[in-house]
Amino acid sequence: MAKRLSYQEKKTQAFVDIINEMFIIAGHQVTYEDIKGRQDAWYTQWSMTESQFDEWQKWGQKYLKKKFRLSEVFAQREMGFIGLMWGLTHTNKNLI
């Protein structure tokens, strides 16, 4: 029988999943394991488009709602914080 994860372990696993999905959506061959432990501003090393950022935010909100049974508002807030803290630099290609 598999060990049941504690709430903190579930939060850590969710963070890893969300960061990995960010790199997948942005089209980079990077994983959480590649950036784990880095003290520099690693999130500025890669970028994503505004539409990719929006797609990632929607994916993360759906993921958090399902995994932690959060309301829409709380899932949006959590993904907003994650995007601000660890989201890749994003630009609007239409303005360039």
C-alpha atoms as a PDB file:
ATOM      1  CA  MET A   1       0.000   0.000   0.000  1.00  0.00           C
ATOM      2  CA  ALA A   2       1.350   3.418  -0.958  1.00  0.00           C
ATOM      3  CA  LYS A   3       2.189   5.871   1.779  1.00  0.00           C
ATOM      4  CA  ARG A   4      -0.359   8.650   2.140  1.00  0.00           C
ATOM      5  CA  LEU A   5       1.250  12.054   1.594  1.00  0.00           C
ATOM      6  CA  SER A   6       1.069  14.715   4.277  1.00  0.00           C
ATOM      7  CA  TYR A   7      -0.433  18.068   3.349  1.00  0.00           C
ATOM      8  CA  GLN A   8       3.049  19.628   3.092  1.00  0.00           C
ATOM      9  CA  GLU A   9       4.234  16.784   0.837  1.00  0.00           C
ATOM     10  CA  LYS A  10       1.174  17.308  -1.370  1.00  0.00           C
ATOM     11  CA  LYS A  11       1.957  21.035  -1.587  1.00  0.00           C
ATOM     12  CA  THR A  12       5.569  20.316  -2.518  1.00  0.00           C
ATOM     13  CA  GLN A  13       4.544  17.803  -5.186  1.00  0.00           C
ATOM     14  CA  ALA A  14       1.984  20.268  -6.574  1.00  0.00           C
ATOM     15  CA  PHE A  15       4.672  22.957  -6.837  1.00  0.00           C
ATOM     16  CA  VAL A  16       6.979  20.578  -8.713  1.00  0.00           C
ATOM     17  CA  ASP A  17       4.135  19.602 -11.073  1.00  0.00           C
ATOM     18  CA  ILE A  18       3.217  23.248 -11.715  1.00  0.00           C
ATOM     19  CA  ILE A  19       6.815  24.287 -12.450  1.00  0.00           C
ATOM     20  CA  ASN A  20       7.346  21.287 -14.749  1.00  0.00           C
ATOM     21  CA  GLU A  21       4.141  22.117 -16.628  1.00  0.00           C
ATOM     22  CA  MET A  22       5.297  25.719 -17.015  1.00  0.00           C
ATOM     23  CA  PHE A  23       8.442  24.550 -18.805  1.00  0.00           C
ATOM     24  CA  ILE A  24       6.436  22.120 -20.973  1.00  0.00           C
ATOM     25  CA  ILE A  25       3.951  24.792 -22.033  1.00  0.00           C
ATOM     26  CA  ALA A  26       6.788  27.264 -22.701  1.00  0.00           C
ATOM     27  CA  GLY A  27       8.554  24.634 -24.842  1.00  0.00           C
ATOM     28  CA  HIS A  28      11.781  24.387 -22.829  1.00  0.00           C
ATOM     29  CA  GLN A  29      13.632  21.148 -22.132  1.00  0.00           C
ATOM     30  CA  VAL A  30      14.028  21.977 -18.441  1.00  0.00           C
ATOM     31  CA  THR A  31      12.534  20.381 -15.331  1.00  0.00           C
ATOM     32  CA  TYR A  32      12.210  21.296 -11.685  1.00  0.00           C
ATOM     33  CA  GLU A  33      15.211  19.078 -10.930  1.00  0.00           C
ATOM     34  CA  ASP A  34      17.367  21.276 -13.205  1.00  0.00           C
ATOM     35  CA  ILE A  35      16.558  24.449 -11.260  1.00  0.00           C
ATOM     36  CA  LYS A  36      16.172  22.975  -7.775  1.00  0.00           C
ATOM     37  CA  GLY A  37      18.468  24.672  -5.286  1.00  0.00           C
ATOM     38  CA  ARG A  38      19.513  27.534  -7.560  1.00  0.00           C
ATOM     39  CA  GLN A  39      19.827  30.835  -5.733  1.00  0.00           C
ATOM     40  CA  ASP A  40      19.991  33.055  -8.812  1.00  0.00           C
ATOM     41  CA  ALA A  41      17.062  34.500 -10.777  1.00  0.00           C
ATOM     42  CA  TRP A  42      16.682  31.334 -12.881  1.00  0.00           C
ATOM     43  CA  TYR A  43      13.178  32.343 -14.011  1.00  0.00           C
ATOM     44  CA  THR A  44      14.671  35.169 -16.121  1.00  0.00           C
ATOM     45  CA  GLN A  45      16.891  32.754 -18.057  1.00  0.00           C
ATOM     46  CA  TRP A  46      13.917  31.446 -20.075  1.00  0.00           C
ATOM     47  CA  SER A  47      10.800  33.143 -21.356  1.00  0.00           C
ATOM     48  CA  MET A  48       7.294  32.391 -22.508  1.00  0.00           C
ATOM     49  CA  THR A  49       4.694  34.283 -24.484  1.00  0.00           C
ATOM     50  CA  GLU A  50       1.713  35.966 -22.874  1.00  0.00           C
ATOM     51  CA  SER A  51      -0.612  33.313 -24.320  1.00  0.00           C
ATOM     52  CA  GLN A  52       1.597  30.519 -22.938  1.00  0.00           C
ATOM     53  CA  PHE A  53       1.538  32.237 -19.538  1.00  0.00           C
ATOM     54  CA  ASP A  54      -2.259  32.437 -19.665  1.00  0.00           C
ATOM     55  CA  GLU A  55      -2.474  28.753 -20.665  1.00  0.00           C
ATOM     56  CA  TRP A  56      -0.189  27.813 -17.766  1.00  0.00           C
ATOM     57  CA  GLN A  57      -2.250  29.891 -15.320  1.00  0.00           C
ATOM     58  CA  LYS A  58      -5.478  28.182 -16.443  1.00  0.00           C
ATOM     59  CA  TRP A  59      -3.859  24.749 -16.240  1.00  0.00           C
ATOM     60  CA  GLY A  60      -2.562  25.488 -12.731  1.00  0.00           C
ATOM     61  CA  GLN A  61      -5.903  26.779 -11.515  1.00  0.00           C
ATOM     62  CA  LYS A  62      -7.660  23.632 -12.714  1.00  0.00           C
ATOM     63  CA  TYR A  63      -4.922  21.470 -11.168  1.00  0.00           C
ATOM     64  CA  LEU A  64      -5.130  23.233  -7.777  1.00  0.00           C
ATOM     65  CA  LYS A  65      -8.923  23.125  -7.731  1.00  0.00           C
ATOM     66  CA  LYS A  66      -8.864  19.378  -8.302  1.00  0.00           C
ATOM     67  CA  LYS A  67      -5.908  18.480  -6.065  1.00  0.00           C
ATOM     68  CA  PHE A  68      -6.768  20.705  -3.081  1.00  0.00           C
ATOM     69  CA  ARG A  69     -10.488  21.300  -3.690  1.00  0.00           C
ATOM     70  CA  LEU A  70      -9.958  25.039  -3.847  1.00  0.00           C
ATOM     71  CA  SER A  71     -12.571  27.482  -5.015  1.00  0.00           C
ATOM     72  CA  GLU A  72     -12.041  29.340  -8.290  1.00  0.00           C
ATOM     73  CA  VAL A  73     -11.009  32.512  -6.441  1.00  0.00           C
ATOM     74  CA  PHE A  74      -8.408  30.789  -4.251  1.00  0.00           C
ATOM     75  CA  ALA A  75      -6.971  28.818  -7.181  1.00  0.00           C
ATOM     76  CA  GLN A  76      -6.601  32.059  -9.181  1.00  0.00           C
ATOM     77  CA  ARG A  77      -4.929  33.741  -6.216  1.00  0.00           C
ATOM     78  CA  GLU A  78      -2.485  30.865  -5.666  1.00  0.00           C
ATOM     79  CA  MET A  79      -1.522  30.722  -9.340  1.00  0.00           C
ATOM     80  CA  GLY A  80      -1.127  34.500  -9.326  1.00  0.00           C
ATOM     81  CA  PHE A  81       1.362  34.232  -6.473  1.00  0.00           C
ATOM     82  CA  ILE A  82       3.201  31.356  -8.146  1.00  0.00           C
ATOM     83  CA  GLY A  83       3.348  33.301 -11.410  1.00  0.00           C
ATOM     84  CA  LEU A  84       4.771  36.363  -9.652  1.00  0.00           C
ATOM     85  CA  MET A  85       7.329  34.442  -7.637  1.00  0.00           C
ATOM     86  CA  TRP A  86       8.493  31.732 -10.038  1.00  0.00           C
ATOM     87  CA  GLY A  87       6.862  32.331 -13.412  1.00  0.00           C
ATOM     88  CA  LEU A  88       9.084  32.754 -16.435  1.00  0.00           C
ATOM     89  CA  THR A  89       9.530  36.162 -17.994  1.00  0.00           C
ATOM     90  CA  HIS A  90       6.714  36.640 -20.460  1.00  0.00           C
ATOM     91  CA  THR A  91       6.211  39.018 -23.332  1.00  0.00           C
ATOM     92  CA  ASN A  92       3.383  39.863 -25.664  1.00  0.00           C
ATOM     93  CA  LYS A  93       4.638  38.925 -29.138  1.00  0.00           C
ATOM     94  CA  ASN A  94       1.967  41.174 -30.719  1.00  0.00           C
ATOM     95  CA  LEU A  95       3.631  44.293 -29.308  1.00  0.00           C
ATOM     96  CA  ILE A  96       7.106  43.447 -30.613  1.00  0.00           C
END
